[in-house]
């Protein structure tokens, strides 16, 4: 699911005007290698209600992109990204993982760098990194409460 989301985010960011979406490109490459490693290990992909909702939102993002604009598609993409982390958020809510706090804080660093290095500080170049910062900070807090 993360590979699908990251690839869609890369495409939508580029199509909405971000001609150097390095953060999204890095996420997509990393997700591909994680997916490849999981499949090579013989693991099966789990597909439940969260993934179904995320796929539906990805479809909505594509429809909005085609019928309206890539900018409109990015809104549905961001919703899909947030929903895809619901199982992890529930896990951290029920069983905080203080040792994972540093990892989620570390995930914020490339987002900040993407914002600071953006050619323009407009929607296309900064919406996804800002959305990821909010999500990563929220998950980081859940790790310690």
Protein backbone atom coordinates (compact mmCIF):
# COMPACT_ATOMS: atom_id res chain seq x y z
CA UNK A 1 0.00 0.00 0.00
CA UNK A 2 2.82 2.37 0.84
CA UNK A 3 4.42 1.75 -2.56
CA UNK A 4 1.14 2.63 -4.29
CA UNK A 5 0.69 5.74 -2.16
CA UNK A 6 4.27 6.94 -2.65
CA UNK A 7 4.17 6.39 -6.41
CA UNK A 8 0.85 8.24 -6.67
CA UNK A 9 2.19 11.06 -4.49
CA UNK A 10 5.24 11.36 -6.73
CA UNK A 11 3.11 11.55 -9.88
CA UNK A 12 0.63 14.03 -8.40
CA UNK A 13 3.33 16.29 -6.97
CA UNK A 14 5.09 16.38 -10.35
CA UNK A 15 1.88 16.93 -12.32
CA UNK A 16 0.78 19.75 -10.01
CA UNK A 17 3.97 21.69 -10.72
CA UNK A 18 6.76 20.34 -8.51
CA UNK A 19 9.42 19.55 -11.12
CA UNK A 20 11.91 18.31 -8.50
CA UNK A 21 9.90 16.09 -6.13
CA UNK A 22 12.98 14.46 -4.61
CA UNK A 23 11.30 13.65 -1.30
CA UNK A 24 8.48 11.77 -3.02
CA UNK A 25 10.98 10.07 -5.35
CA UNK A 26 13.01 8.90 -2.35
CA UNK A 27 9.88 7.58 -0.65
CA UNK A 28 8.88 5.68 -3.80
CA UNK A 29 12.31 4.10 -4.25
CA UNK A 30 12.46 3.12 -0.57
CA UNK A 31 8.93 1.68 -0.68
CA UNK A 32 9.80 -0.34 -3.79
CA UNK A 33 12.82 -1.91 -2.10
CA UNK A 34 10.83 -2.63 1.08
CA UNK A 35 8.08 -4.26 -0.99
CA UNK A 36 10.66 -6.25 -2.93
CA UNK A 37 12.38 -7.42 0.28
CA UNK A 38 9.06 -8.49 1.83
CA UNK A 39 8.07 -10.42 -1.29
CA UNK A 40 11.52 -12.06 -1.59
CA UNK A 41 11.19 -13.13 2.04
CA UNK A 42 8.04 -15.04 1.12
CA UNK A 43 5.69 -12.82 3.12
CA UNK A 44 2.14 -12.24 1.98
CA UNK A 45 0.70 -8.75 1.68
CA UNK A 46 -2.18 -8.12 4.10
CA UNK A 47 -5.16 -6.44 2.54
CA UNK A 48 -7.86 -5.27 4.94
CA UNK A 49 -10.37 -2.45 5.35
CA UNK A 50 -7.67 0.23 5.76
CA UNK A 51 -6.06 -0.75 2.48
CA UNK A 52 -9.43 -0.85 0.73
CA UNK A 53 -10.25 2.69 1.91
CA UNK A 54 -6.78 3.88 0.91
CA UNK A 55 -7.15 2.34 -2.56
CA UNK A 56 -10.56 4.02 -2.94
CA UNK A 57 -9.03 7.37 -2.00
CA UNK A 58 -6.18 6.75 -4.47
CA UNK A 59 -8.83 6.16 -7.14
CA UNK A 60 -10.57 9.38 -6.13
CA UNK A 61 -7.22 11.18 -6.31
CA UNK A 62 -6.69 9.92 -9.86
CA UNK A 63 -10.23 10.89 -10.88
CA UNK A 64 -9.79 14.38 -9.39
CA UNK A 65 -6.43 14.70 -11.15
CA UNK A 66 -7.93 13.75 -14.52
CA UNK A 67 -11.17 15.73 -14.18
CA UNK A 68 -9.99 18.76 -12.21
CA UNK A 69 -6.29 19.11 -11.46
CA UNK A 70 -3.37 17.36 -9.83
CA UNK A 71 -3.73 19.83 -6.97
CA UNK A 72 -7.23 18.50 -6.26
CA UNK A 73 -5.86 14.95 -6.47
CA UNK A 74 -3.23 15.74 -3.84
CA UNK A 75 -5.98 16.34 -1.26
CA UNK A 76 -7.37 12.83 -1.74
CA UNK A 77 -3.83 11.45 -1.78
CA UNK A 78 -3.11 13.07 1.59
CA UNK A 79 -6.29 11.54 3.04
CA UNK A 80 -5.19 8.12 1.76
CA UNK A 81 -1.76 8.59 3.33
CA UNK A 82 -3.26 9.46 6.71
CA UNK A 83 -5.75 6.58 6.62
CA UNK A 84 -3.04 4.09 5.68
CA UNK A 85 -1.38 4.73 9.05
CA UNK A 86 -4.52 4.12 11.14
CA UNK A 87 -3.44 0.58 12.20
CA UNK A 88 -0.06 1.87 13.35
CA UNK A 89 -1.67 4.77 15.19
CA UNK A 90 -4.03 2.36 16.97
CA UNK A 91 -1.08 0.13 17.90
CA UNK A 92 0.88 3.06 19.33
CA UNK A 93 -2.22 4.32 21.16
CA UNK A 94 -2.71 0.91 22.82
CA UNK A 95 0.96 0.15 23.28
CA UNK A 96 3.25 3.22 23.19
CA UNK A 97 6.72 2.58 21.83
CA UNK A 98 9.06 5.20 23.34
CA UNK A 99 12.05 3.62 21.61
CA UNK A 100 10.45 4.50 18.22
CA UNK A 101 10.10 8.21 19.04
CA UNK A 102 13.49 9.12 17.54
CA UNK A 103 12.63 7.37 14.26
CA UNK A 104 9.44 9.40 13.71
CA UNK A 105 11.27 12.62 14.60
CA UNK A 106 14.00 11.63 12.14
CA UNK A 107 11.34 11.18 9.40
CA UNK A 108 10.55 14.87 9.78
CA UNK A 109 14.06 15.96 8.76
CA UNK A 110 13.81 15.16 5.01
CA UNK A 111 10.39 16.82 4.94
CA UNK A 112 11.89 20.02 6.34
CA UNK A 113 14.75 19.79 3.85
CA UNK A 114 12.25 19.33 0.99
CA UNK A 115 10.41 22.48 2.08
CA UNK A 116 13.61 24.50 2.53
CA UNK A 117 15.01 23.29 -0.81
CA UNK A 118 11.82 23.80 -2.79
CA UNK A 119 12.15 25.97 -5.87
CA UNK A 120 8.91 27.66 -4.87
CA UNK A 121 7.12 27.56 -1.56
CA UNK A 122 3.79 26.88 -3.22
CA UNK A 123 1.20 24.15 -2.84
CA UNK A 124 2.77 21.75 -5.35
CA UNK A 125 6.19 21.92 -3.72
CA UNK A 126 5.30 21.93 -0.03
CA UNK A 127 1.85 20.36 0.57
CA UNK A 128 3.06 16.75 0.84
CA UNK A 129 6.08 17.52 3.07
CA UNK A 130 3.95 19.66 5.41
CA UNK A 131 1.31 16.94 5.57
CA UNK A 132 3.97 14.34 6.34
CA UNK A 133 5.46 16.55 9.08
CA UNK A 134 2.08 16.81 10.81
CA UNK A 135 1.49 13.06 10.53
CA UNK A 136 5.01 12.09 11.66
CA UNK A 137 4.88 14.49 14.63
CA UNK A 138 1.51 13.04 15.68
CA UNK A 139 2.84 9.48 15.51
CA UNK A 140 5.99 10.54 17.41
CA UNK A 141 3.85 11.93 20.22
CA UNK A 142 1.84 8.70 20.32
CA UNK A 143 5.09 6.79 20.82
CA UNK A 144 5.69 8.47 24.17
CA UNK A 145 2.27 9.05 25.70
